[in-house]
Amino acid sequence: WDSRLLHPEDPLLERGDRIREAVRTTGDVRIGRRLRELLTAAGFERVELTVSGTAAGTPEAVAGAGAFEGSWFEAPAVVAHVTELGLSEPDEMAAIARAWRRWSTEPGACSASTWFTAVGWAPPA
């Protein structure tokens, strides 16, 4: 998650990222950068890591990203769960949803993310 670039930045969007991360009760959202190390430590050989990227850099892609992200923060089940966990309140969740939609109307809005993939070979038996 640390690899996402977002322009323009907005403290509410950053707060939304922290809420989404806190909702996850297992796993590490930053594990990608460690995949090669972990596979090597597990005994795999010839461990290779690749990185791919995605971007929202057209008006249509930015609008889609803003709508998708905003809808997550408005989903009744998500709002109820986040509230139950004490991570946020409905008013803040609604404000974050509005911030995503506002972001998507900015003329220069864009985002980019990277995704890590690793593969390793098991040593001969």
C-alpha atoms as a PDB file:
ATOM      1  CA  TRP A   1       0.000   0.000   0.000  1.00  0.00           C
ATOM      2  CA  ASP A   2       2.937   2.324   0.468  1.00  0.00           C
ATOM      3  CA  SER A   3       3.537   2.406  -3.253  1.00  0.00           C
ATOM      4  CA  ARG A   4       0.368   4.259  -4.246  1.00  0.00           C
ATOM      5  CA  LEU A   5       0.851   7.725  -5.603  1.00  0.00           C
ATOM      6  CA  LEU A   6      -2.156   9.983  -5.440  1.00  0.00           C
ATOM      7  CA  HIS A   7      -2.530  13.527  -6.710  1.00  0.00           C
ATOM      8  CA  PRO A   8      -3.811  15.774  -5.366  1.00  0.00           C
ATOM      9  CA  GLU A   9      -3.267  14.568  -1.831  1.00  0.00           C
ATOM     10  CA  ASP A  10      -6.028  14.915   0.733  1.00  0.00           C
ATOM     11  CA  PRO A  11      -5.835  14.205   4.483  1.00  0.00           C
ATOM     12  CA  LEU A  12      -9.265  12.533   4.350  1.00  0.00           C
ATOM     13  CA  LEU A  13      -8.067  10.093   1.695  1.00  0.00           C
ATOM     14  CA  GLU A  14      -5.013   9.318   3.804  1.00  0.00           C
ATOM     15  CA  ARG A  15      -7.299   8.756   6.804  1.00  0.00           C
ATOM     16  CA  GLY A  16      -9.359   6.402   4.663  1.00  0.00           C
ATOM     17  CA  ASP A  17      -6.254   4.359   3.887  1.00  0.00           C
ATOM     18  CA  ARG A  18      -5.498   4.043   7.608  1.00  0.00           C
ATOM     19  CA  ILE A  19      -9.067   2.884   8.281  1.00  0.00           C
ATOM     20  CA  ARG A  20      -8.917   0.300   5.492  1.00  0.00           C
ATOM     21  CA  GLU A  21      -5.633  -1.021   6.797  1.00  0.00           C
ATOM     22  CA  ALA A  22      -6.933  -1.245  10.373  1.00  0.00           C
ATOM     23  CA  VAL A  23      -9.981  -3.239   9.225  1.00  0.00           C
ATOM     24  CA  ARG A  24      -7.693  -6.037   8.084  1.00  0.00           C
ATOM     25  CA  THR A  25      -7.191  -8.371  11.013  1.00  0.00           C
ATOM     26  CA  THR A  26      -4.675 -10.639   9.306  1.00  0.00           C
ATOM     27  CA  GLY A  27      -1.877 -10.234   6.850  1.00  0.00           C
ATOM     28  CA  ASP A  28       0.428  -7.380   6.036  1.00  0.00           C
ATOM     29  CA  VAL A  29      -0.626  -4.895   3.370  1.00  0.00           C
ATOM     30  CA  ARG A  30       3.043  -4.056   2.799  1.00  0.00           C
ATOM     31  CA  ILE A  31       4.224  -7.642   2.309  1.00  0.00           C
ATOM     32  CA  GLY A  32       4.962  -7.199  -1.400  1.00  0.00           C
ATOM     33  CA  ARG A  33       8.357  -5.630  -0.914  1.00  0.00           C
ATOM     34  CA  ARG A  34       9.366  -8.555   1.318  1.00  0.00           C
ATOM     35  CA  LEU A  35       8.250 -11.444  -0.897  1.00  0.00           C
ATOM     36  CA  ARG A  36      11.695 -12.230  -2.270  1.00  0.00           C
ATOM     37  CA  GLU A  37      13.227 -12.228   1.200  1.00  0.00           C
ATOM     38  CA  LEU A  38      10.464 -14.436   2.610  1.00  0.00           C
ATOM     39  CA  LEU A  39      10.629 -17.008  -0.173  1.00  0.00           C
ATOM     40  CA  THR A  40      14.411 -17.165   0.126  1.00  0.00           C
ATOM     41  CA  ALA A  41      14.170 -17.614   3.903  1.00  0.00           C
ATOM     42  CA  ALA A  42      11.638 -20.429   3.338  1.00  0.00           C
ATOM     43  CA  GLY A  43      14.234 -22.327   1.298  1.00  0.00           C
ATOM     44  CA  PHE A  44      13.175 -21.540  -2.255  1.00  0.00           C
ATOM     45  CA  GLU A  45      15.884 -21.137  -4.880  1.00  0.00           C
ATOM     46  CA  ARG A  46      16.170 -18.723  -7.809  1.00  0.00           C
ATOM     47  CA  VAL A  47      13.640 -16.382  -6.258  1.00  0.00           C
ATOM     48  CA  GLU A  48      12.547 -13.713  -8.717  1.00  0.00           C
ATOM     49  CA  LEU A  49      10.478 -10.625  -8.035  1.00  0.00           C
ATOM     50  CA  THR A  50       8.597  -8.591 -10.585  1.00  0.00           C
ATOM     51  CA  VAL A  51       6.634  -5.391 -10.202  1.00  0.00           C
ATOM     52  CA  SER A  52       3.720  -4.266 -12.312  1.00  0.00           C
ATOM     53  CA  GLY A  53       1.860  -1.032 -12.162  1.00  0.00           C
ATOM     54  CA  THR A  54      -1.589   0.370 -12.659  1.00  0.00           C
ATOM     55  CA  ALA A  55      -2.612   3.963 -13.149  1.00  0.00           C
ATOM     56  CA  ALA A  56      -5.696   6.121 -13.334  1.00  0.00           C
ATOM     57  CA  GLY A  57      -4.718   8.971 -15.586  1.00  0.00           C
ATOM     58  CA  THR A  58      -7.700   9.627 -17.823  1.00  0.00           C
ATOM     59  CA  PRO A  59     -10.890  11.433 -16.815  1.00  0.00           C
ATOM     60  CA  GLU A  60     -12.811   8.160 -17.132  1.00  0.00           C
ATOM     61  CA  ALA A  61     -10.348   6.145 -15.054  1.00  0.00           C
ATOM     62  CA  VAL A  62     -10.153   8.812 -12.355  1.00  0.00           C
ATOM     63  CA  ALA A  63     -13.955   9.071 -12.207  1.00  0.00           C
ATOM     64  CA  GLY A  64     -14.193   5.290 -11.902  1.00  0.00           C
ATOM     65  CA  ALA A  65     -11.589   5.164  -9.155  1.00  0.00           C
ATOM     66  CA  GLY A  66     -13.293   7.937  -7.198  1.00  0.00           C
ATOM     67  CA  ALA A  67     -16.694   6.273  -7.524  1.00  0.00           C
ATOM     68  CA  PHE A  68     -15.321   2.865  -6.510  1.00  0.00           C
ATOM     69  CA  GLU A  69     -13.384   4.194  -3.519  1.00  0.00           C
ATOM     70  CA  GLY A  70     -16.235   6.433  -2.417  1.00  0.00           C
ATOM     71  CA  SER A  71     -18.726   3.580  -2.566  1.00  0.00           C
ATOM     72  CA  TRP A  72     -16.589   1.477  -0.209  1.00  0.00           C
ATOM     73  CA  PHE A  73     -16.785   4.170   2.469  1.00  0.00           C
ATOM     74  CA  GLU A  74     -20.564   4.407   2.035  1.00  0.00           C
ATOM     75  CA  ALA A  75     -21.372   0.694   1.999  1.00  0.00           C
ATOM     76  CA  PRO A  76     -23.700   0.121   4.974  1.00  0.00           C
ATOM     77  CA  ALA A  77     -21.984  -3.122   5.994  1.00  0.00           C
ATOM     78  CA  VAL A  78     -18.558  -1.466   5.900  1.00  0.00           C
ATOM     79  CA  VAL A  79     -19.730   1.585   7.852  1.00  0.00           C
ATOM     80  CA  ALA A  80     -21.343  -0.654  10.487  1.00  0.00           C
ATOM     81  CA  HIS A  81     -18.235  -2.854  10.771  1.00  0.00           C
ATOM     82  CA  VAL A  82     -15.809   0.069  10.988  1.00  0.00           C
ATOM     83  CA  THR A  83     -18.016   1.766  13.573  1.00  0.00           C
ATOM     84  CA  GLU A  84     -18.312  -1.438  15.594  1.00  0.00           C
ATOM     85  CA  LEU A  85     -14.520  -1.758  15.622  1.00  0.00           C
ATOM     86  CA  GLY A  86     -14.246   1.826  16.885  1.00  0.00           C
ATOM     87  CA  LEU A  87     -12.107   2.859  13.900  1.00  0.00           C
ATOM     88  CA  SER A  88     -14.395   5.613  12.634  1.00  0.00           C
ATOM     89  CA  GLU A  89     -17.901   7.028  12.757  1.00  0.00           C
ATOM     90  CA  PRO A  90     -20.547   7.233  10.027  1.00  0.00           C
ATOM     91  CA  ASP A  91     -20.008  10.984   9.590  1.00  0.00           C
ATOM     92  CA  GLU A  92     -16.287  10.530   8.982  1.00  0.00           C
ATOM     93  CA  MET A  93     -16.889   7.653   6.588  1.00  0.00           C
ATOM     94  CA  ALA A  94     -19.322   9.841   4.618  1.00  0.00           C
ATOM     95  CA  ALA A  95     -16.768  12.659   4.563  1.00  0.00           C
ATOM     96  CA  ILE A  96     -14.129  10.300   3.167  1.00  0.00           C
ATOM     97  CA  ALA A  97     -16.561   9.108   0.479  1.00  0.00           C
ATOM     98  CA  ARG A  98     -17.233  12.735  -0.485  1.00  0.00           C
ATOM     99  CA  ALA A  99     -13.481  13.426  -0.540  1.00  0.00           C
ATOM    100  CA  TRP A 100     -12.970  10.581  -3.033  1.00  0.00           C
ATOM    101  CA  ARG A 101     -15.689  11.945  -5.279  1.00  0.00           C
ATOM    102  CA  ARG A 102     -14.269  15.470  -4.972  1.00  0.00           C
ATOM    103  CA  TRP A 103     -10.794  14.123  -5.803  1.00  0.00           C
ATOM    104  CA  SER A 104     -12.179  12.503  -8.936  1.00  0.00           C
ATOM    105  CA  THR A 105     -13.352  15.873 -10.265  1.00  0.00           C
ATOM    106  CA  GLU A 106      -9.986  17.572  -9.920  1.00  0.00           C
ATOM    107  CA  PRO A 107      -8.593  18.362 -13.398  1.00  0.00           C
ATOM    108  CA  GLY A 108      -5.146  16.979 -12.569  1.00  0.00           C
ATOM    109  CA  ALA A 109      -6.242  14.015 -10.446  1.00  0.00           C
ATOM    110  CA  CYS A 110      -4.313  10.810 -11.045  1.00  0.00           C
ATOM    111  CA  SER A 111      -3.131   7.761  -9.179  1.00  0.00           C
ATOM    112  CA  ALA A 112      -0.650   4.962  -9.648  1.00  0.00           C
ATOM    113  CA  SER A 113       0.034   1.758  -7.742  1.00  0.00           C
ATOM    114  CA  THR A 114       2.568  -1.026  -7.934  1.00  0.00           C
ATOM    115  CA  TRP A 115       1.978  -4.742  -7.362  1.00  0.00           C
ATOM    116  CA  PHE A 116       4.709  -7.182  -6.392  1.00  0.00           C
ATOM    117  CA  THR A 117       4.829 -10.794  -7.567  1.00  0.00           C
ATOM    118  CA  ALA A 118       7.468 -13.318  -6.571  1.00  0.00           C
ATOM    119  CA  VAL A 119       8.193 -16.844  -7.661  1.00  0.00           C
ATOM    120  CA  GLY A 120      10.762 -19.296  -6.405  1.00  0.00           C
ATOM    121  CA  TRP A 121      11.738 -22.855  -7.206  1.00  0.00           C
ATOM    122  CA  ALA A 122      11.732 -25.595  -4.600  1.00  0.00           C
ATOM    123  CA  PRO A 123      15.148 -27.196  -4.211  1.00  0.00           C
ATOM    124  CA  PRO A 124      15.514 -30.715  -5.620  1.00  0.00           C
ATOM    125  CA  ALA A 125      14.419 -33.385  -3.168  1.00  0.00           C
END
